[in-house]
PDB file of N, CA and C in Angstrom:
ATOM      1  N   UNK A   1      -1.818 -32.880 -42.434  1.00  0.00           N
ATOM      2  CA  UNK A   1      -1.521 -33.457 -41.139  1.00  0.00           C
ATOM      3  C   UNK A   1      -0.275 -32.809 -40.526  1.00  0.00           C
ATOM      4  N   UNK A   2       0.773 -32.591 -41.372  1.00  0.00           N
ATOM      5  CA  UNK A   2       1.991 -31.966 -40.866  1.00  0.00           C
ATOM      6  C   UNK A   2       1.707 -30.595 -40.255  1.00  0.00           C
ATOM      7  N   UNK A   3       0.875 -29.825 -40.947  1.00  0.00           N
ATOM      8  CA  UNK A   3       0.587 -28.465 -40.479  1.00  0.00           C
ATOM      9  C   UNK A   3      -0.144 -28.490 -39.148  1.00  0.00           C
ATOM     10  N   UNK A   4      -1.025 -29.451 -38.962  1.00  0.00           N
ATOM     11  CA  UNK A   4      -1.762 -29.573 -37.701  1.00  0.00           C
ATOM     12  C   UNK A   4      -0.847 -29.885 -36.535  1.00  0.00           C
ATOM     13  N   UNK A   5       0.122 -30.753 -36.761  1.00  0.00           N
ATOM     14  CA  UNK A   5       1.072 -31.104 -35.713  1.00  0.00           C
ATOM     15  C   UNK A   5       1.935 -29.899 -35.352  1.00  0.00           C
ATOM     16  N   UNK A   6       2.416 -29.184 -36.363  1.00  0.00           N
ATOM     17  CA  UNK A   6       3.241 -28.002 -36.089  1.00  0.00           C
ATOM     18  C   UNK A   6       2.445 -26.915 -35.383  1.00  0.00           C
ATOM     19  N   UNK A   7       1.186 -26.762 -35.726  1.00  0.00           N
ATOM     20  CA  UNK A   7       0.340 -25.776 -35.049  1.00  0.00           C
ATOM     21  C   UNK A   7       0.190 -26.136 -33.571  1.00  0.00           C
ATOM     22  N   UNK A   8       0.003 -27.419 -33.285  1.00  0.00           N
ATOM     23  CA  UNK A   8      -0.112 -27.874 -31.899  1.00  0.00           C
ATOM     24  C   UNK A   8       1.194 -27.656 -31.143  1.00  0.00           C
ATOM     25  N   UNK A   9       2.311 -27.977 -31.752  1.00  0.00           N
ATOM     26  CA  UNK A   9       3.622 -27.782 -31.120  1.00  0.00           C
ATOM     27  C   UNK A   9       3.852 -26.301 -30.831  1.00  0.00           C
ATOM     28  N   UNK A  10       3.540 -25.453 -31.784  1.00  0.00           N
ATOM     29  CA  UNK A  10       3.708 -24.009 -31.605  1.00  0.00           C
ATOM     30  C   UNK A  10       2.811 -23.491 -30.490  1.00  0.00           C
ATOM     31  N   UNK A  11       1.569 -23.936 -30.443  1.00  0.00           N
ATOM     32  CA  UNK A  11       0.646 -23.488 -29.394  1.00  0.00           C
ATOM     33  C   UNK A  11       1.151 -23.888 -28.016  1.00  0.00           C
ATOM     34  N   UNK A  12       1.642 -25.111 -27.883  1.00  0.00           N
ATOM     35  CA  UNK A  12       2.174 -25.575 -26.597  1.00  0.00           C
ATOM     36  C   UNK A  12       3.421 -24.802 -26.208  1.00  0.00           C
ATOM     37  N   UNK A  13       4.314 -24.583 -27.140  1.00  0.00           N
ATOM     38  CA  UNK A  13       5.555 -23.857 -26.864  1.00  0.00           C
ATOM     39  C   UNK A  13       5.264 -22.426 -26.460  1.00  0.00           C
ATOM     40  N   UNK A  14       4.302 -21.800 -27.091  1.00  0.00           N
ATOM     41  CA  UNK A  14       3.945 -20.419 -26.776  1.00  0.00           C
ATOM     42  C   UNK A  14       3.409 -20.323 -25.361  1.00  0.00           C
ATOM     43  N   UNK A  15       2.555 -21.250 -24.959  1.00  0.00           N
ATOM     44  CA  UNK A  15       1.997 -21.177 -23.612  1.00  0.00           C
ATOM     45  C   UNK A  15       3.054 -21.462 -22.549  1.00  0.00           C
ATOM     46  N   UNK A  16       4.021 -22.320 -22.834  1.00  0.00           N
ATOM     47  CA  UNK A  16       5.071 -22.628 -21.883  1.00  0.00           C
ATOM     48  C   UNK A  16       6.029 -21.459 -21.749  1.00  0.00           C
ATOM     49  N   UNK A  17       6.350 -20.809 -22.843  1.00  0.00           N
ATOM     50  CA  UNK A  17       7.336 -19.731 -22.834  1.00  0.00           C
ATOM     51  C   UNK A  17       6.734 -18.354 -22.629  1.00  0.00           C
ATOM     52  N   UNK A  18       5.424 -18.255 -22.472  1.00  0.00           N
ATOM     53  CA  UNK A  18       4.783 -16.958 -22.275  1.00  0.00           C
ATOM     54  C   UNK A  18       5.264 -16.343 -20.960  1.00  0.00           C
ATOM     55  N   UNK A  19       5.446 -15.039 -20.975  1.00  0.00           N
ATOM     56  CA  UNK A  19       5.882 -14.341 -19.767  1.00  0.00           C
ATOM     57  C   UNK A  19       4.777 -14.371 -18.720  1.00  0.00           C
ATOM     58  N   UNK A  20       5.146 -14.504 -17.439  1.00  0.00           N
ATOM     59  CA  UNK A  20       4.130 -14.522 -16.394  1.00  0.00           C
ATOM     60  C   UNK A  20       3.428 -13.171 -16.302  1.00  0.00           C
ATOM     61  N   UNK A  21       2.200 -13.181 -15.821  1.00  0.00           N
ATOM     62  CA  UNK A  21       1.400 -11.967 -15.673  1.00  0.00           C
ATOM     63  C   UNK A  21       1.642 -11.389 -14.275  1.00  0.00           C
ATOM     64  N   UNK A  22       2.622 -10.500 -14.164  1.00  0.00           N
ATOM     65  CA  UNK A  22       2.962  -9.892 -12.878  1.00  0.00           C
ATOM     66  C   UNK A  22       1.937  -8.825 -12.519  1.00  0.00           C
ATOM     67  N   UNK A  23       1.578  -8.751 -11.239  1.00  0.00           N
ATOM     68  CA  UNK A  23       0.622  -7.775 -10.729  1.00  0.00           C
ATOM     69  C   UNK A  23       1.268  -7.031  -9.569  1.00  0.00           C
ATOM     70  N   UNK A  24       1.080  -5.730  -9.528  1.00  0.00           N
ATOM     71  CA  UNK A  24       1.627  -4.889  -8.459  1.00  0.00           C
ATOM     72  C   UNK A  24       0.703  -4.935  -7.244  1.00  0.00           C
ATOM     73  N   UNK A  25       1.295  -4.864  -6.037  1.00  0.00           N
ATOM     74  CA  UNK A  25       0.503  -4.905  -4.804  1.00  0.00           C
ATOM     75  C   UNK A  25       1.291  -4.303  -3.646  1.00  0.00           C
ATOM     76  N   UNK A  26       0.573  -4.126  -2.535  1.00  0.00           N
ATOM     77  CA  UNK A  26       1.175  -3.719  -1.261  1.00  0.00           C
ATOM     78  C   UNK A  26       0.742  -4.756  -0.240  1.00  0.00           C
ATOM     79  N   UNK A  27       1.678  -5.218   0.575  1.00  0.00           N
ATOM     80  CA  UNK A  27       1.367  -6.220   1.596  1.00  0.00           C
ATOM     81  C   UNK A  27       0.624  -5.556   2.750  1.00  0.00           C
ATOM     82  N   UNK A  28      -0.546  -6.095   3.075  1.00  0.00           N
ATOM     83  CA  UNK A  28      -1.376  -5.574   4.157  1.00  0.00           C
ATOM     84  C   UNK A  28      -1.189  -6.410   5.424  1.00  0.00           C
ATOM     85  N   UNK A  29      -1.078  -7.728   5.262  1.00  0.00           N
ATOM     86  CA  UNK A  29      -0.949  -8.625   6.411  1.00  0.00           C
ATOM     87  C   UNK A  29      -0.180  -9.874   5.989  1.00  0.00           C
ATOM     88  N   UNK A  30       0.620 -10.395   6.908  1.00  0.00           N
ATOM     89  CA  UNK A  30       1.359 -11.641   6.675  1.00  0.00           C
ATOM     90  C   UNK A  30       0.991 -12.615   7.793  1.00  0.00           C
ATOM     91  N   UNK A  31       0.594 -13.820   7.419  1.00  0.00           N
ATOM     92  CA  UNK A  31       0.266 -14.872   8.375  1.00  0.00           C
ATOM     93  C   UNK A  31       1.185 -16.060   8.083  1.00  0.00           C
ATOM     94  N   UNK A  32       2.333 -16.096   8.762  1.00  0.00           N
ATOM     95  CA  UNK A  32       3.323 -17.143   8.521  1.00  0.00           C
ATOM     96  C   UNK A  32       2.790 -18.523   8.898  1.00  0.00           C
ATOM     97  N   UNK A  33       2.020 -18.607   9.988  1.00  0.00           N
ATOM     98  CA  UNK A  33       1.507 -19.898  10.449  1.00  0.00           C
ATOM     99  C   UNK A  33       0.591 -20.562   9.428  1.00  0.00           C
ATOM    100  N   UNK A  34      -0.196 -19.764   8.712  1.00  0.00           N
ATOM    101  CA  UNK A  34      -1.144 -20.301   7.728  1.00  0.00           C
ATOM    102  C   UNK A  34      -0.638 -20.178   6.297  1.00  0.00           C
ATOM    103  N   UNK A  35       0.586 -19.657   6.123  1.00  0.00           N
ATOM    104  CA  UNK A  35       1.178 -19.440   4.791  1.00  0.00           C
ATOM    105  C   UNK A  35       0.231 -18.625   3.912  1.00  0.00           C
ATOM    106  N   UNK A  36      -0.179 -17.471   4.445  1.00  0.00           N
ATOM    107  CA  UNK A  36      -1.088 -16.568   3.733  1.00  0.00           C
ATOM    108  C   UNK A  36      -0.543 -15.142   3.784  1.00  0.00           C
ATOM    109  N   UNK A  37      -0.877 -14.401   2.741  1.00  0.00           N
ATOM    110  CA  UNK A  37      -0.537 -12.984   2.692  1.00  0.00           C
ATOM    111  C   UNK A  37      -1.761 -12.230   2.185  1.00  0.00           C
ATOM    112  N   UNK A  38      -2.068 -11.113   2.826  1.00  0.00           N
ATOM    113  CA  UNK A  38      -3.154 -10.258   2.349  1.00  0.00           C
ATOM    114  C   UNK A  38      -2.533  -9.146   1.538  1.00  0.00           C
ATOM    115  N   UNK A  39      -3.003  -9.018   0.289  1.00  0.00           N
ATOM    116  CA  UNK A  39      -2.447  -8.043  -0.643  1.00  0.00           C
ATOM    117  C   UNK A  39      -3.503  -7.046  -1.083  1.00  0.00           C
ATOM    118  N   UNK A  40      -3.127  -5.779  -1.123  1.00  0.00           N
ATOM    119  CA  UNK A  40      -3.929  -4.725  -1.751  1.00  0.00           C
ATOM    120  C   UNK A  40      -3.370  -4.643  -3.164  1.00  0.00           C
ATOM    121  N   UNK A  41      -4.058  -5.306  -4.106  1.00  0.00           N
ATOM    122  CA  UNK A  41      -3.464  -5.504  -5.431  1.00  0.00           C
ATOM    123  C   UNK A  41      -4.219  -4.802  -6.555  1.00  0.00           C
ATOM    124  N   UNK A  42      -3.507  -4.573  -7.645  1.00  0.00           N
ATOM    125  CA  UNK A  42      -4.100  -4.051  -8.866  1.00  0.00           C
ATOM    126  C   UNK A  42      -4.876  -5.181  -9.532  1.00  0.00           C
ATOM    127  N   UNK A  43      -5.542  -4.879 -10.632  1.00  0.00           N
ATOM    128  CA  UNK A  43      -6.289  -5.902 -11.365  1.00  0.00           C
ATOM    129  C   UNK A  43      -5.359  -7.030 -11.801  1.00  0.00           C
ATOM    130  N   UNK A  44      -5.837  -8.273 -11.665  1.00  0.00           N
ATOM    131  CA  UNK A  44      -5.079  -9.438 -12.109  1.00  0.00           C
ATOM    132  C   UNK A  44      -5.682  -9.871 -13.439  1.00  0.00           C
ATOM    133  N   UNK A  45      -5.040  -9.453 -14.515  1.00  0.00           N
ATOM    134  CA  UNK A  45      -5.577  -9.669 -15.860  1.00  0.00           C
ATOM    135  C   UNK A  45      -5.727 -11.139 -16.214  1.00  0.00           C
ATOM    136  N   UNK A  46      -4.781 -11.971 -15.791  1.00  0.00           N
ATOM    137  CA  UNK A  46      -4.788 -13.381 -16.186  1.00  0.00           C
ATOM    138  C   UNK A  46      -6.007 -14.143 -15.680  1.00  0.00           C
ATOM    139  N   UNK A  47      -6.637 -13.660 -14.607  1.00  0.00           N
ATOM    140  CA  UNK A  47      -7.820 -14.337 -14.068  1.00  0.00           C
ATOM    141  C   UNK A  47      -9.057 -13.440 -14.087  1.00  0.00           C
ATOM    142  N   UNK A  48      -8.937 -12.264 -14.694  1.00  0.00           N
ATOM    143  CA  UNK A  48     -10.080 -11.353 -14.814  1.00  0.00           C
ATOM    144  C   UNK A  48     -10.566 -10.797 -13.485  1.00  0.00           C
ATOM    145  N   UNK A  49      -9.654 -10.551 -12.546  1.00  0.00           N
ATOM    146  CA  UNK A  49     -10.036 -10.050 -11.230  1.00  0.00           C
ATOM    147  C   UNK A  49      -9.753  -8.558 -11.128  1.00  0.00           C
ATOM    148  N   UNK A  50     -10.713  -7.816 -10.587  1.00  0.00           N
ATOM    149  CA  UNK A  50     -10.534  -6.383 -10.388  1.00  0.00           C
ATOM    150  C   UNK A  50      -9.576  -6.132  -9.223  1.00  0.00           C
ATOM    151  N   UNK A  51      -9.116  -4.892  -9.136  1.00  0.00           N
ATOM    152  CA  UNK A  51      -8.250  -4.493  -8.022  1.00  0.00           C
ATOM    153  C   UNK A  51      -9.036  -4.599  -6.720  1.00  0.00           C
ATOM    154  N   UNK A  52      -8.393  -5.116  -5.684  1.00  0.00           N
ATOM    155  CA  UNK A  52      -9.026  -5.261  -4.371  1.00  0.00           C
ATOM    156  C   UNK A  52      -7.990  -5.654  -3.335  1.00  0.00           C
ATOM    157  N   UNK A  53      -8.433  -5.774  -2.093  1.00  0.00           N
ATOM    158  CA  UNK A  53      -7.592  -6.280  -1.020  1.00  0.00           C
ATOM    159  C   UNK A  53      -8.138  -7.633  -0.613  1.00  0.00           C
ATOM    160  N   UNK A  54      -7.273  -8.651  -0.635  1.00  0.00           N
ATOM    161  CA  UNK A  54      -7.727 -10.001  -0.278  1.00  0.00           C
ATOM    162  C   UNK A  54      -6.556 -10.881   0.144  1.00  0.00           C
ATOM    163  N   UNK A  55      -6.849 -11.938   0.920  1.00  0.00           N
ATOM    164  CA  UNK A  55      -5.795 -12.876   1.315  1.00  0.00           C
ATOM    165  C   UNK A  55      -5.553 -13.923   0.227  1.00  0.00           C
ATOM    166  N   UNK A  56      -4.320 -14.368   0.130  1.00  0.00           N
ATOM    167  CA  UNK A  56      -3.927 -15.422  -0.802  1.00  0.00           C
ATOM    168  C   UNK A  56      -3.121 -16.463  -0.050  1.00  0.00           C
ATOM    169  N   UNK A  57      -3.262 -17.718  -0.445  1.00  0.00           N
ATOM    170  CA  UNK A  57      -2.351 -18.752   0.010  1.00  0.00           C
ATOM    171  C   UNK A  57      -1.037 -18.545  -0.737  1.00  0.00           C
ATOM    172  N   UNK A  58       0.041 -19.025  -0.129  1.00  0.00           N
ATOM    173  CA  UNK A  58       1.372 -18.863  -0.709  1.00  0.00           C
ATOM    174  C   UNK A  58       1.928 -20.222  -1.094  1.00  0.00           C
ATOM    175  N   UNK A  59       2.472 -20.317  -2.281  1.00  0.00           N
ATOM    176  CA  UNK A  59       3.169 -21.519  -2.735  1.00  0.00           C
ATOM    177  C   UNK A  59       4.396 -21.716  -1.856  1.00  0.00           C
ATOM    178  N   UNK A  60       4.791 -22.953  -1.639  1.00  0.00           N
ATOM    179  CA  UNK A  60       5.927 -23.260  -0.782  1.00  0.00           C
ATOM    180  C   UNK A  60       7.254 -22.692  -1.236  1.00  0.00           C
ATOM    181  N   UNK A  61       7.357 -22.295  -2.498  1.00  0.00           N
ATOM    182  CA  UNK A  61       8.622 -21.750  -2.997  1.00  0.00           C
ATOM    183  C   UNK A  61       8.805 -20.273  -2.642  1.00  0.00           C
ATOM    184  N   UNK A  62       7.724 -19.594  -2.262  1.00  0.00           N
ATOM    185  CA  UNK A  62       7.807 -18.179  -1.881  1.00  0.00           C
ATOM    186  C   UNK A  62       8.208 -18.103  -0.410  1.00  0.00           C
ATOM    187  N   UNK A  63       9.294 -17.419  -0.127  1.00  0.00           N
ATOM    188  CA  UNK A  63       9.804 -17.282   1.243  1.00  0.00           C
ATOM    189  C   UNK A  63       9.130 -16.083   1.914  1.00  0.00           C
ATOM    190  N   UNK A  64       7.957 -16.323   2.486  1.00  0.00           N
ATOM    191  CA  UNK A  64       7.127 -15.265   3.046  1.00  0.00           C
ATOM    192  C   UNK A  64       7.814 -14.499   4.167  1.00  0.00           C
ATOM    193  N   UNK A  65       8.671 -15.156   4.929  1.00  0.00           N
ATOM    194  CA  UNK A  65       9.359 -14.509   6.050  1.00  0.00           C
ATOM    195  C   UNK A  65      10.285 -13.382   5.604  1.00  0.00           C
ATOM    196  N   UNK A  66      10.636 -13.340   4.327  1.00  0.00           N
ATOM    197  CA  UNK A  66      11.546 -12.298   3.842  1.00  0.00           C
ATOM    198  C   UNK A  66      10.814 -11.006   3.454  1.00  0.00           C
ATOM    199  N   UNK A  67       9.490 -10.988   3.621  1.00  0.00           N
ATOM    200  CA  UNK A  67       8.695  -9.800   3.291  1.00  0.00           C
ATOM    201  C   UNK A  67       8.162  -9.155   4.560  1.00  0.00           C
ATOM    202  N   UNK A  68       7.693  -7.883   4.445  1.00  0.00           N
ATOM    203  CA  UNK A  68       7.140  -7.192   5.605  1.00  0.00           C
ATOM    204  C   UNK A  68       5.889  -6.412   5.208  1.00  0.00           C
ATOM    205  N   UNK A  69       5.039  -6.170   6.179  1.00  0.00           N
ATOM    206  CA  UNK A  69       3.805  -5.411   5.972  1.00  0.00           C
ATOM    207  C   UNK A  69       4.154  -4.014   5.462  1.00  0.00           C
ATOM    208  N   UNK A  70       3.397  -3.554   4.471  1.00  0.00           N
ATOM    209  CA  UNK A  70       3.616  -2.242   3.881  1.00  0.00           C
ATOM    210  C   UNK A  70       4.527  -2.262   2.668  1.00  0.00           C
ATOM    211  N   UNK A  71       5.214  -3.365   2.466  1.00  0.00           N
ATOM    212  CA  UNK A  71       6.159  -3.486   1.359  1.00  0.00           C
ATOM    213  C   UNK A  71       5.419  -3.574   0.027  1.00  0.00           C
ATOM    214  N   UNK A  72       5.963  -2.907  -0.983  1.00  0.00           N
ATOM    215  CA  UNK A  72       5.426  -3.007  -2.338  1.00  0.00           C
ATOM    216  C   UNK A  72       6.064  -4.215  -3.011  1.00  0.00           C
ATOM    217  N   UNK A  73       5.217  -5.021  -3.660  1.00  0.00           N
ATOM    218  CA  UNK A  73       5.676  -6.246  -4.316  1.00  0.00           C
ATOM    219  C   UNK A  73       5.009  -6.384  -5.672  1.00  0.00           C
ATOM    220  N   UNK A  74       5.493  -7.343  -6.429  1.00  0.00           N
ATOM    221  CA  UNK A  74       4.796  -7.795  -7.619  1.00  0.00           C
ATOM    222  C   UNK A  74       4.696  -9.303  -7.485  1.00  0.00           C
ATOM    223  N   UNK A  75       3.602  -9.868  -8.014  1.00  0.00           N
ATOM    224  CA  UNK A  75       3.365 -11.284  -7.803  1.00  0.00           C
ATOM    225  C   UNK A  75       2.635 -11.887  -8.995  1.00  0.00           C
ATOM    226  N   UNK A  76       2.660 -13.225  -9.055  1.00  0.00           N
ATOM    227  CA  UNK A  76       1.870 -13.961 -10.030  1.00  0.00           C
ATOM    228  C   UNK A  76       1.048 -14.988  -9.263  1.00  0.00           C
ATOM    229  N   UNK A  77      -0.072 -15.376  -9.853  1.00  0.00           N
ATOM    230  CA  UNK A  77      -0.937 -16.374  -9.223  1.00  0.00           C
ATOM    231  C   UNK A  77      -1.172 -17.539 -10.167  1.00  0.00           C
ATOM    232  N   UNK A  78      -1.525 -18.656  -9.569  1.00  0.00           N
ATOM    233  CA  UNK A  78      -1.934 -19.822 -10.321  1.00  0.00           C
ATOM    234  C   UNK A  78      -3.212 -20.353  -9.684  1.00  0.00           C
ATOM    235  N   UNK A  79      -4.039 -20.986 -10.490  1.00  0.00           N
ATOM    236  CA  UNK A  79      -5.277 -21.576  -9.987  1.00  0.00           C
ATOM    237  C   UNK A  79      -4.982 -23.003  -9.557  1.00  0.00           C
ATOM    238  N   UNK A  80      -5.119 -23.266  -8.269  1.00  0.00           N
ATOM    239  CA  UNK A  80      -4.852 -24.595  -7.723  1.00  0.00           C
ATOM    240  C   UNK A  80      -6.154 -25.120  -7.108  1.00  0.00           C
ATOM    241  N   UNK A  81      -6.809 -26.001  -7.831  1.00  0.00           N
ATOM    242  CA  UNK A  81      -8.077 -26.579  -7.379  1.00  0.00           C
ATOM    243  C   UNK A  81      -9.123 -25.516  -7.043  1.00  0.00           C
ATOM    244  N   UNK A  82      -9.205 -24.493  -7.873  1.00  0.00           N
ATOM    245  CA  UNK A  82     -10.198 -23.441  -7.685  1.00  0.00           C
ATOM    246  C   UNK A  82      -9.796 -22.341  -6.724  1.00  0.00           C
ATOM    247  N   UNK A  83      -8.574 -22.385  -6.207  1.00  0.00           N
ATOM    248  CA  UNK A  83      -8.079 -21.350  -5.303  1.00  0.00           C
ATOM    249  C   UNK A  83      -6.882 -20.662  -5.937  1.00  0.00           C
ATOM    250  N   UNK A  84      -6.864 -19.331  -5.869  1.00  0.00           N
ATOM    251  CA  UNK A  84      -5.712 -18.593  -6.382  1.00  0.00           C
ATOM    252  C   UNK A  84      -4.583 -18.659  -5.372  1.00  0.00           C
ATOM    253  N   UNK A  85      -3.409 -19.071  -5.833  1.00  0.00           N
ATOM    254  CA  UNK A  85      -2.238 -19.221  -4.982  1.00  0.00           C
ATOM    255  C   UNK A  85      -1.116 -18.366  -5.561  1.00  0.00           C
ATOM    256  N   UNK A  86      -0.482 -17.574  -4.707  1.00  0.00           N
ATOM    257  CA  UNK A  86       0.676 -16.787  -5.133  1.00  0.00           C
ATOM    258  C   UNK A  86       1.838 -17.758  -5.330  1.00  0.00           C
ATOM    259  N   UNK A  87       2.321 -17.841  -6.572  1.00  0.00           N
ATOM    260  CA  UNK A  87       3.418 -18.766  -6.859  1.00  0.00           C
ATOM    261  C   UNK A  87       4.748 -18.061  -7.074  1.00  0.00           C
ATOM    262  N   UNK A  88       4.723 -16.730  -7.219  1.00  0.00           N
ATOM    263  CA  UNK A  88       5.942 -15.919  -7.324  1.00  0.00           C
ATOM    264  C   UNK A  88       5.650 -14.570  -6.676  1.00  0.00           C
ATOM    265  N   UNK A  89       6.589 -14.059  -5.912  1.00  0.00           N
ATOM    266  CA  UNK A  89       6.435 -12.723  -5.330  1.00  0.00           C
ATOM    267  C   UNK A  89       7.822 -12.151  -5.104  1.00  0.00           C
ATOM    268  N   UNK A  90       7.979 -10.889  -5.492  1.00  0.00           N
ATOM    269  CA  UNK A  90       9.278 -10.236  -5.299  1.00  0.00           C
ATOM    270  C   UNK A  90       9.070  -8.763  -4.983  1.00  0.00           C
ATOM    271  N   UNK A  91      10.023  -8.167  -4.256  1.00  0.00           N
ATOM    272  CA  UNK A  91       9.914  -6.742  -3.910  1.00  0.00           C
ATOM    273  C   UNK A  91       9.970  -5.860  -5.147  1.00  0.00           C
ATOM    274  N   UNK A  92       9.289  -4.728  -5.068  1.00  0.00           N
ATOM    275  CA  UNK A  92       9.363  -3.698  -6.106  1.00  0.00           C
ATOM    276  C   UNK A  92      10.179  -2.565  -5.538  1.00  0.00           C
ATOM    277  N   UNK A  93      11.156  -2.124  -6.296  1.00  0.00           N
ATOM    278  CA  UNK A  93      12.051  -1.059  -5.810  1.00  0.00           C
ATOM    279  C   UNK A  93      11.570   0.291  -6.232  1.00  0.00           C
TER     280      UNK A  93
END
């Protein structure tokens, strides 16, 4: 029983502390009114998505106004009710 509990604790801790899956992209379009960004992105391994250009909703913590079209970025996504939402995005230098 002890080993089972420790295995569960370790599994939970690993998933919480796992590094986010950053993906490289270029901003194609920014829609501030709808809180959306269109990204030409590389494959997103965490969700099994191939490289493509597509729009994403933006999490409220991402300050979309600080980015510009053509800018290279890296981002992470989360699945929110079946929709991929960019929850982190930062410039790539």
